[in-house]
Amino acid sequence: MKKGTTVIDLTTLVEHWGSGYPSPFEEPCMARSKVALDDAGGLTQYGVNLVTLHPGAWASQRHWHSHEDEFVYVLSGELTLITDDGETLLTAGMATTSIAGVADGHHMINRSEASATYLEIGSRAPEDVCSYPDIDLHLEPDSAGGHRFVKKSGELY
């Protein structure tokens, strides 16, 4: 029987470093750490990550999602949000939303001298396609129910 409520001790969770992007796209994200709170709590409807960007780190490559809304809440530090409209400085207590299906590439960079931490929340739409407007990269669903990185031509990485 599933438990309805789970208490998560963050000290017991694995911290993952980097992005999982194919080379060379992972390089700017190497000083990013992420803890998956969603899986630890048994969530299936949406994802929640506790993310830390150390000085100079990127959260991701600039991207947008076909079927996944994203919400970010800054817990500490300073981050620069970069979208098609330009740059916005984010500080603790600020939040951003990125709406599914809107082709507005976005990402965050820590340009400060201190680490910054935020919550990243998004739906887990299996049909989601992630587009990266600045680079030759696309994330698409695979036949096993996951996702895979491909070039814009469709060729696998």
N, C-alpha and C. Protein backbone atom coordinates (compact mmCIF):
# COMPACT_ATOMS: atom_id res chain seq x y z
N MET A 1 0.84 -1.19 0.00
CA MET A 1 0.00 0.00 0.00
C MET A 1 0.89 1.25 0.00
N LYS A 2 0.53 2.20 -0.84
CA LYS A 2 1.27 3.45 -0.90
C LYS A 2 0.95 4.32 0.30
N LYS A 3 1.98 5.04 0.75
CA LYS A 3 1.77 6.03 1.79
C LYS A 3 1.24 7.29 1.13
N GLY A 4 0.36 8.00 1.81
CA GLY A 4 -0.20 9.23 1.27
C GLY A 4 0.71 10.42 1.47
N THR A 5 1.49 10.39 2.53
CA THR A 5 2.37 11.51 2.85
C THR A 5 3.74 10.96 3.19
N THR A 6 4.77 11.60 2.65
CA THR A 6 6.14 11.18 2.89
C THR A 6 6.95 12.35 3.41
N VAL A 7 7.71 12.11 4.46
CA VAL A 7 8.67 13.10 4.95
C VAL A 7 10.01 12.77 4.31
N ILE A 8 10.64 13.78 3.74
CA ILE A 8 11.90 13.57 3.03
C ILE A 8 13.04 14.20 3.81
N ASP A 9 14.03 13.39 4.15
CA ASP A 9 15.25 13.87 4.80
C ASP A 9 16.27 14.14 3.70
N LEU A 10 16.47 15.41 3.37
CA LEU A 10 17.35 15.77 2.27
C LEU A 10 18.78 15.29 2.45
N THR A 11 19.19 15.07 3.69
CA THR A 11 20.56 14.62 3.93
C THR A 11 20.78 13.18 3.45
N THR A 12 19.70 12.46 3.18
CA THR A 12 19.82 11.07 2.72
C THR A 12 19.74 10.94 1.19
N LEU A 13 19.50 12.04 0.51
CA LEU A 13 19.31 12.00 -0.94
C LEU A 13 20.62 12.21 -1.70
N VAL A 14 20.67 11.66 -2.89
CA VAL A 14 21.86 11.76 -3.74
C VAL A 14 21.83 13.08 -4.49
N GLU A 15 22.97 13.77 -4.47
CA GLU A 15 23.13 15.02 -5.20
C GLU A 15 23.77 14.69 -6.55
N HIS A 16 23.11 15.09 -7.63
CA HIS A 16 23.62 14.83 -8.98
C HIS A 16 24.26 16.09 -9.54
N TRP A 17 25.43 15.95 -10.14
CA TRP A 17 26.17 17.08 -10.68
C TRP A 17 26.12 17.06 -12.20
N GLY A 18 26.09 18.25 -12.80
CA GLY A 18 26.08 18.36 -14.25
C GLY A 18 24.68 18.31 -14.81
N SER A 19 24.59 18.06 -16.12
CA SER A 19 23.31 18.17 -16.80
C SER A 19 22.84 16.92 -17.52
N GLY A 20 23.74 16.06 -17.92
CA GLY A 20 23.37 14.92 -18.75
C GLY A 20 23.35 15.26 -20.23
N TYR A 21 23.61 16.52 -20.59
CA TYR A 21 23.69 16.90 -22.00
C TYR A 21 24.88 16.19 -22.65
N PRO A 22 24.77 15.93 -23.96
CA PRO A 22 25.95 15.41 -24.66
C PRO A 22 27.02 16.50 -24.76
N SER A 23 28.26 16.06 -24.91
CA SER A 23 29.37 16.99 -25.07
C SER A 23 29.21 17.74 -26.39
N PRO A 24 29.52 18.98 -26.45
CA PRO A 24 30.14 19.87 -25.46
C PRO A 24 29.12 20.67 -24.65
N PHE A 25 27.82 20.35 -24.80
CA PHE A 25 26.77 21.19 -24.23
C PHE A 25 26.67 21.12 -22.71
N GLU A 26 27.26 20.08 -22.11
CA GLU A 26 27.19 19.95 -20.65
C GLU A 26 28.18 20.86 -19.92
N GLU A 27 29.21 21.32 -20.59
CA GLU A 27 30.29 22.07 -19.92
C GLU A 27 29.81 23.23 -19.04
N PRO A 28 28.93 24.13 -19.52
CA PRO A 28 28.54 25.26 -18.68
C PRO A 28 27.72 24.86 -17.44
N CYS A 29 27.23 23.61 -17.44
CA CYS A 29 26.36 23.15 -16.35
C CYS A 29 27.08 22.25 -15.35
N MET A 30 28.37 22.07 -15.48
CA MET A 30 29.10 21.13 -14.63
C MET A 30 29.10 21.54 -13.15
N ALA A 31 28.97 22.83 -12.85
CA ALA A 31 28.95 23.28 -11.45
C ALA A 31 27.51 23.47 -10.96
N ARG A 32 26.61 22.67 -11.51
CA ARG A 32 25.21 22.63 -11.08
C ARG A 32 24.98 21.33 -10.33
N SER A 33 24.35 21.43 -9.16
CA SER A 33 23.96 20.21 -8.44
C SER A 33 22.45 20.20 -8.27
N LYS A 34 21.90 18.99 -8.31
CA LYS A 34 20.45 18.83 -8.28
C LYS A 34 20.08 17.65 -7.40
N VAL A 35 19.06 17.84 -6.57
CA VAL A 35 18.51 16.77 -5.75
C VAL A 35 17.05 16.59 -6.15
N ALA A 36 16.68 15.38 -6.57
CA ALA A 36 15.31 15.09 -7.01
C ALA A 36 14.43 14.83 -5.79
N LEU A 37 13.61 15.80 -5.44
CA LEU A 37 12.70 15.65 -4.30
C LEU A 37 11.45 14.87 -4.70
N ASP A 38 11.06 14.96 -5.96
CA ASP A 38 9.85 14.30 -6.44
C ASP A 38 9.94 12.79 -6.29
N ASP A 39 10.99 12.20 -6.80
CA ASP A 39 11.15 10.74 -6.72
C ASP A 39 11.25 10.27 -5.27
N ALA A 40 11.94 11.04 -4.45
CA ALA A 40 12.10 10.66 -3.04
C ALA A 40 10.76 10.63 -2.32
N GLY A 41 9.83 11.46 -2.76
CA GLY A 41 8.52 11.51 -2.13
C GLY A 41 7.47 10.69 -2.85
N GLY A 42 7.85 10.04 -3.95
CA GLY A 42 6.91 9.20 -4.68
C GLY A 42 5.96 9.96 -5.60
N LEU A 43 6.27 11.22 -5.91
CA LEU A 43 5.40 12.00 -6.78
C LEU A 43 5.46 11.48 -8.22
N THR A 44 4.33 11.47 -8.89
CA THR A 44 4.27 11.01 -10.27
C THR A 44 3.67 12.05 -11.22
N GLN A 45 2.96 13.03 -10.69
CA GLN A 45 2.26 14.01 -11.52
C GLN A 45 3.13 15.18 -11.95
N TYR A 46 4.12 15.51 -11.13
CA TYR A 46 5.02 16.62 -11.46
C TYR A 46 6.37 16.40 -10.80
N GLY A 47 7.37 17.11 -11.31
CA GLY A 47 8.73 16.98 -10.79
C GLY A 47 9.11 18.16 -9.93
N VAL A 48 9.91 17.90 -8.90
CA VAL A 48 10.43 18.95 -8.02
C VAL A 48 11.91 18.66 -7.77
N ASN A 49 12.75 19.63 -8.08
CA ASN A 49 14.18 19.51 -7.85
C ASN A 49 14.67 20.67 -7.01
N LEU A 50 15.59 20.38 -6.10
CA LEU A 50 16.31 21.40 -5.35
C LEU A 50 17.64 21.56 -6.08
N VAL A 51 17.86 22.74 -6.66
CA VAL A 51 19.01 22.96 -7.53
C VAL A 51 19.92 24.03 -6.94
N THR A 52 21.22 23.79 -6.99
CA THR A 52 22.21 24.78 -6.59
C THR A 52 23.13 25.06 -7.77
N LEU A 53 23.25 26.35 -8.09
CA LEU A 53 24.20 26.79 -9.11
C LEU A 53 25.34 27.47 -8.40
N HIS A 54 26.51 26.91 -8.56
CA HIS A 54 27.70 27.52 -7.98
C HIS A 54 28.16 28.64 -8.91
N PRO A 55 29.01 29.56 -8.45
CA PRO A 55 29.40 30.70 -9.28
C PRO A 55 29.85 30.28 -10.68
N GLY A 56 29.27 30.95 -11.67
CA GLY A 56 29.60 30.69 -13.07
C GLY A 56 28.76 29.62 -13.75
N ALA A 57 28.01 28.85 -12.98
CA ALA A 57 27.25 27.72 -13.55
C ALA A 57 25.99 28.17 -14.27
N TRP A 58 25.65 27.41 -15.28
CA TRP A 58 24.38 27.56 -15.97
C TRP A 58 23.42 26.50 -15.41
N ALA A 59 22.13 26.84 -15.34
CA ALA A 59 21.11 25.86 -14.94
C ALA A 59 20.90 24.85 -16.07
N SER A 60 20.98 25.33 -17.30
CA SER A 60 20.71 24.51 -18.48
C SER A 60 21.17 25.29 -19.70
N GLN A 61 21.07 24.66 -20.84
CA GLN A 61 21.14 25.40 -22.09
C GLN A 61 19.79 26.12 -22.25
N ARG A 62 19.78 27.19 -23.02
CA ARG A 62 18.52 27.91 -23.23
C ARG A 62 17.57 26.99 -23.99
N HIS A 63 16.32 26.88 -23.49
CA HIS A 63 15.37 25.89 -24.01
C HIS A 63 13.93 26.33 -23.78
N TRP A 64 13.01 25.59 -24.38
CA TRP A 64 11.58 25.71 -24.09
C TRP A 64 10.93 24.35 -24.29
N HIS A 65 9.78 24.14 -23.64
CA HIS A 65 9.10 22.85 -23.64
C HIS A 65 7.79 22.90 -24.42
N SER A 66 7.50 21.84 -25.14
CA SER A 66 6.24 21.75 -25.89
C SER A 66 5.04 21.48 -24.99
N HIS A 67 5.21 20.66 -23.95
CA HIS A 67 4.08 20.22 -23.14
C HIS A 67 4.32 20.35 -21.63
N GLU A 68 5.34 21.03 -21.23
CA GLU A 68 5.68 21.09 -19.81
C GLU A 68 5.78 22.53 -19.32
N ASP A 69 4.91 22.88 -18.37
CA ASP A 69 5.05 24.16 -17.67
C ASP A 69 6.22 24.03 -16.70
N GLU A 70 6.91 25.14 -16.47
CA GLU A 70 8.00 25.17 -15.49
C GLU A 70 7.77 26.32 -14.51
N PHE A 71 8.12 26.07 -13.25
CA PHE A 71 8.04 27.08 -12.21
C PHE A 71 9.36 27.04 -11.44
N VAL A 72 9.95 28.19 -11.19
CA VAL A 72 11.19 28.29 -10.42
C VAL A 72 10.97 29.27 -9.29
N TYR A 73 11.40 28.90 -8.08
CA TYR A 73 11.34 29.78 -6.92
C TYR A 73 12.74 29.88 -6.33
N VAL A 74 13.29 31.10 -6.30
CA VAL A 74 14.66 31.30 -5.82
C VAL A 74 14.67 31.33 -4.30
N LEU A 75 15.44 30.43 -3.70
CA LEU A 75 15.55 30.33 -2.24
C LEU A 75 16.67 31.21 -1.69
N SER A 76 17.80 31.24 -2.40
CA SER A 76 18.94 32.04 -1.93
C SER A 76 19.82 32.41 -3.11
N GLY A 77 20.55 33.51 -2.95
CA GLY A 77 21.51 33.92 -3.97
C GLY A 77 20.89 34.76 -5.07
N GLU A 78 21.68 34.96 -6.12
CA GLU A 78 21.28 35.75 -7.28
C GLU A 78 21.48 34.93 -8.55
N LEU A 79 20.51 35.02 -9.44
CA LEU A 79 20.58 34.34 -10.73
C LEU A 79 20.18 35.32 -11.82
N THR A 80 20.74 35.14 -13.00
CA THR A 80 20.32 35.93 -14.15
C THR A 80 19.47 35.05 -15.04
N LEU A 81 18.20 35.44 -15.23
CA LEU A 81 17.29 34.75 -16.13
C LEU A 81 17.49 35.35 -17.52
N ILE A 82 17.69 34.48 -18.51
CA ILE A 82 17.87 34.92 -19.88
C ILE A 82 16.75 34.32 -20.73
N THR A 83 15.99 35.19 -21.39
CA THR A 83 14.89 34.78 -22.26
C THR A 83 15.05 35.49 -23.61
N ASP A 84 14.11 35.27 -24.50
CA ASP A 84 14.14 35.97 -25.78
C ASP A 84 14.03 37.48 -25.59
N ASP A 85 13.44 37.93 -24.48
CA ASP A 85 13.27 39.36 -24.21
C ASP A 85 14.49 40.00 -23.56
N GLY A 86 15.48 39.22 -23.15
CA GLY A 86 16.67 39.79 -22.53
C GLY A 86 16.98 39.14 -21.19
N GLU A 87 17.58 39.93 -20.29
CA GLU A 87 18.04 39.42 -19.00
C GLU A 87 17.31 40.09 -17.84
N THR A 88 17.05 39.28 -16.79
CA THR A 88 16.40 39.76 -15.57
C THR A 88 17.15 39.19 -14.38
N LEU A 89 17.51 40.03 -13.43
CA LEU A 89 18.17 39.57 -12.20
C LEU A 89 17.12 39.01 -11.25
N LEU A 90 17.33 37.79 -10.77
CA LEU A 90 16.44 37.14 -9.81
C LEU A 90 17.16 37.04 -8.47
N THR A 91 16.44 37.33 -7.39
CA THR A 91 16.99 37.20 -6.05
C THR A 91 16.04 36.37 -5.19
N ALA A 92 16.47 36.02 -3.99
CA ALA A 92 15.67 35.18 -3.09
C ALA A 92 14.27 35.76 -2.95
N GLY A 93 13.28 34.87 -3.05
CA GLY A 93 11.89 35.26 -2.93
C GLY A 93 11.21 35.53 -4.26
N MET A 94 11.97 35.56 -5.33
CA MET A 94 11.38 35.78 -6.66
C MET A 94 11.09 34.44 -7.32
N ALA A 95 10.15 34.45 -8.27
CA ALA A 95 9.76 33.24 -8.98
C ALA A 95 9.62 33.54 -10.47
N THR A 96 9.73 32.49 -11.28
CA THR A 96 9.50 32.60 -12.72
C THR A 96 8.57 31.48 -13.16
N THR A 97 7.84 31.73 -14.22
CA THR A 97 7.03 30.69 -14.86
C THR A 97 7.37 30.66 -16.34
N SER A 98 7.40 29.47 -16.90
CA SER A 98 7.59 29.28 -18.33
C SER A 98 6.47 28.36 -18.80
N ILE A 99 5.66 28.86 -19.70
CA ILE A 99 4.44 28.17 -20.11
C ILE A 99 4.73 27.20 -21.26
N ALA A 100 4.16 26.01 -21.16
CA ALA A 100 4.32 24.98 -22.19
C ALA A 100 3.85 25.49 -23.54
N GLY A 101 4.61 25.14 -24.59
CA GLY A 101 4.21 25.46 -25.94
C GLY A 101 4.56 26.86 -26.42
N VAL A 102 5.12 27.69 -25.54
CA VAL A 102 5.52 29.04 -25.93
C VAL A 102 7.01 29.01 -26.25
N ALA A 103 7.35 29.31 -27.50
CA ALA A 103 8.73 29.19 -27.97
C ALA A 103 9.59 30.37 -27.53
N ASP A 104 9.74 30.49 -26.21
CA ASP A 104 10.57 31.54 -25.60
C ASP A 104 11.69 30.84 -24.84
N GLY A 105 12.83 30.67 -25.51
CA GLY A 105 13.95 29.98 -24.88
C GLY A 105 14.38 30.70 -23.61
N HIS A 106 14.64 29.92 -22.56
CA HIS A 106 15.01 30.49 -21.26
C HIS A 106 16.05 29.61 -20.58
N HIS A 107 16.86 30.24 -19.73
CA HIS A 107 17.73 29.54 -18.79
C HIS A 107 18.25 30.55 -17.79
N MET A 108 18.96 30.04 -16.77
CA MET A 108 19.51 30.91 -15.73
C MET A 108 21.00 30.65 -15.62
N ILE A 109 21.73 31.72 -15.28
CA ILE A 109 23.17 31.65 -15.05
C ILE A 109 23.47 32.31 -13.72
N ASN A 110 24.37 31.71 -12.95
CA ASN A 110 24.83 32.35 -11.71
C ASN A 110 26.08 33.16 -12.04
N ARG A 111 25.91 34.46 -12.15
CA ARG A 111 27.04 35.35 -12.44
C ARG A 111 27.61 36.00 -11.18
N SER A 112 27.11 35.58 -10.03
CA SER A 112 27.55 36.16 -8.76
C SER A 112 28.77 35.42 -8.22
N GLU A 113 29.25 35.86 -7.07
CA GLU A 113 30.41 35.24 -6.41
C GLU A 113 30.00 34.19 -5.38
N ALA A 114 28.68 33.98 -5.21
CA ALA A 114 28.18 33.03 -4.21
C ALA A 114 27.23 32.03 -4.87
N SER A 115 27.04 30.89 -4.23
CA SER A 115 26.10 29.89 -4.74
C SER A 115 24.67 30.41 -4.63
N ALA A 116 23.81 29.91 -5.51
CA ALA A 116 22.39 30.25 -5.50
C ALA A 116 21.59 28.95 -5.54
N THR A 117 20.49 28.91 -4.79
CA THR A 117 19.67 27.70 -4.71
C THR A 117 18.23 28.04 -5.05
N TYR A 118 17.57 27.13 -5.75
CA TYR A 118 16.17 27.35 -6.13
C TYR A 118 15.43 26.02 -6.23
N LEU A 119 14.11 26.11 -6.17
CA LEU A 119 13.24 24.97 -6.44
C LEU A 119 12.81 25.05 -7.89
N GLU A 120 12.86 23.92 -8.56
CA GLU A 120 12.46 23.80 -9.96
C GLU A 120 11.30 22.81 -10.00
N ILE A 121 10.15 23.26 -10.50
CA ILE A 121 8.95 22.43 -10.50
C ILE A 121 8.39 22.39 -11.92
N GLY A 122 8.08 21.20 -12.39
CA GLY A 122 7.52 21.08 -13.73
C GLY A 122 6.66 19.84 -13.87
N SER A 123 5.76 19.89 -14.85
CA SER A 123 4.94 18.72 -15.12
C SER A 123 5.82 17.63 -15.73
N ARG A 124 5.31 16.43 -15.73
CA ARG A 124 6.08 15.30 -16.26
C ARG A 124 5.39 14.74 -17.50
N ALA A 125 5.10 15.60 -18.44
CA ALA A 125 4.38 15.18 -19.64
C ALA A 125 5.26 14.25 -20.49
N PRO A 126 4.85 13.00 -20.66
CA PRO A 126 5.69 12.06 -21.41
C PRO A 126 5.87 12.47 -22.87
N GLU A 127 4.94 13.23 -23.42
CA GLU A 127 5.03 13.65 -24.82
C GLU A 127 5.84 14.93 -25.01
N ASP A 128 6.41 15.45 -23.94
CA ASP A 128 7.15 16.71 -24.01
C ASP A 128 8.36 16.61 -24.93
N VAL A 129 8.52 17.64 -25.74
CA VAL A 129 9.71 17.82 -26.58
C VAL A 129 10.37 19.10 -26.11
N CYS A 130 11.67 19.06 -25.90
CA CYS A 130 12.41 20.23 -25.44
C CYS A 130 13.27 20.73 -26.59
N SER A 131 13.08 22.00 -26.94
CA SER A 131 13.81 22.62 -28.04
C SER A 131 14.87 23.57 -27.50
N TYR A 132 16.04 23.55 -28.11
CA TYR A 132 17.17 24.38 -27.72
C TYR A 132 17.50 25.30 -28.90
N PRO A 133 17.02 26.55 -28.89
CA PRO A 133 17.13 27.40 -30.07
C PRO A 133 18.55 27.83 -30.44
N ASP A 134 19.48 27.82 -29.50
CA ASP A 134 20.82 28.34 -29.75
C ASP A 134 21.84 27.29 -30.20
N ILE A 135 21.49 26.01 -30.06
CA ILE A 135 22.46 24.94 -30.33
C ILE A 135 21.78 23.80 -31.10
N ASP A 136 22.57 22.88 -31.63
CA ASP A 136 22.06 21.74 -32.38
C ASP A 136 21.69 20.62 -31.41
N LEU A 137 20.56 20.81 -30.71
CA LEU A 137 20.13 19.85 -29.69
C LEU A 137 18.62 19.88 -29.59
N HIS A 138 18.06 18.71 -29.37
CA HIS A 138 16.63 18.52 -29.22
C HIS A 138 16.45 17.36 -28.24
N LEU A 139 15.47 17.42 -27.36
CA LEU A 139 15.16 16.31 -26.45
C LEU A 139 13.77 15.83 -26.81
N GLU A 140 13.66 14.54 -27.15
CA GLU A 140 12.38 14.01 -27.61
C GLU A 140 12.06 12.70 -26.89
N PRO A 141 10.77 12.33 -26.86
CA PRO A 141 10.40 11.05 -26.24
C PRO A 141 11.03 9.88 -27.01
N ASP A 142 11.37 8.83 -26.26
CA ASP A 142 11.87 7.61 -26.91
C ASP A 142 10.84 6.50 -26.76
N SER A 143 11.08 5.37 -27.37
CA SER A 143 10.12 4.27 -27.37
C SER A 143 10.02 3.55 -26.04
N ALA A 144 10.96 3.81 -25.12
CA ALA A 144 10.95 3.14 -23.81
C ALA A 144 10.23 3.97 -22.74
N GLY A 145 9.63 5.08 -23.13
CA GLY A 145 8.92 5.92 -22.17
C GLY A 145 9.78 7.00 -21.55
N GLY A 146 11.02 7.11 -21.98
CA GLY A 146 11.91 8.17 -21.49
C GLY A 146 12.10 9.22 -22.56
N HIS A 147 13.25 9.86 -22.52
CA HIS A 147 13.59 10.88 -23.51
C HIS A 147 15.02 10.65 -24.00
N ARG A 148 15.32 11.16 -25.19
CA ARG A 148 16.67 11.03 -25.73
C ARG A 148 17.07 12.33 -26.42
N PHE A 149 18.38 12.60 -26.41
CA PHE A 149 18.92 13.77 -27.09
C PHE A 149 19.21 13.42 -28.54
N VAL A 150 18.77 14.31 -29.42
CA VAL A 150 19.05 14.16 -30.85
C VAL A 150 19.50 15.51 -31.41
N LYS A 151 20.14 15.45 -32.56
CA LYS A 151 20.45 16.67 -33.30
C LYS A 151 19.16 17.15 -33.95
N LYS A 152 19.14 18.39 -34.39
CA LYS A 152 17.93 18.92 -35.03
C LYS A 152 17.57 18.15 -36.29
N SER A 153 18.54 17.47 -36.89
CA SER A 153 18.30 16.63 -38.07
C SER A 153 17.61 15.32 -37.70
N GLY A 154 17.56 15.00 -36.40
CA GLY A 154 17.00 13.74 -35.93
C GLY A 154 18.04 12.69 -35.62
N GLU A 155 19.30 12.94 -35.99
CA GLU A 155 20.39 12.01 -35.72
C GLU A 155 20.65 11.92 -34.22
N LEU A 156 20.82 10.70 -33.71
CA LEU A 156 21.09 10.51 -32.28
C LEU A 156 22.47 11.02 -31.88
N TYR A 157 22.56 11.50 -30.64
CA TYR A 157 23.86 11.83 -30.06
C TYR A 157 24.44 10.57 -29.47
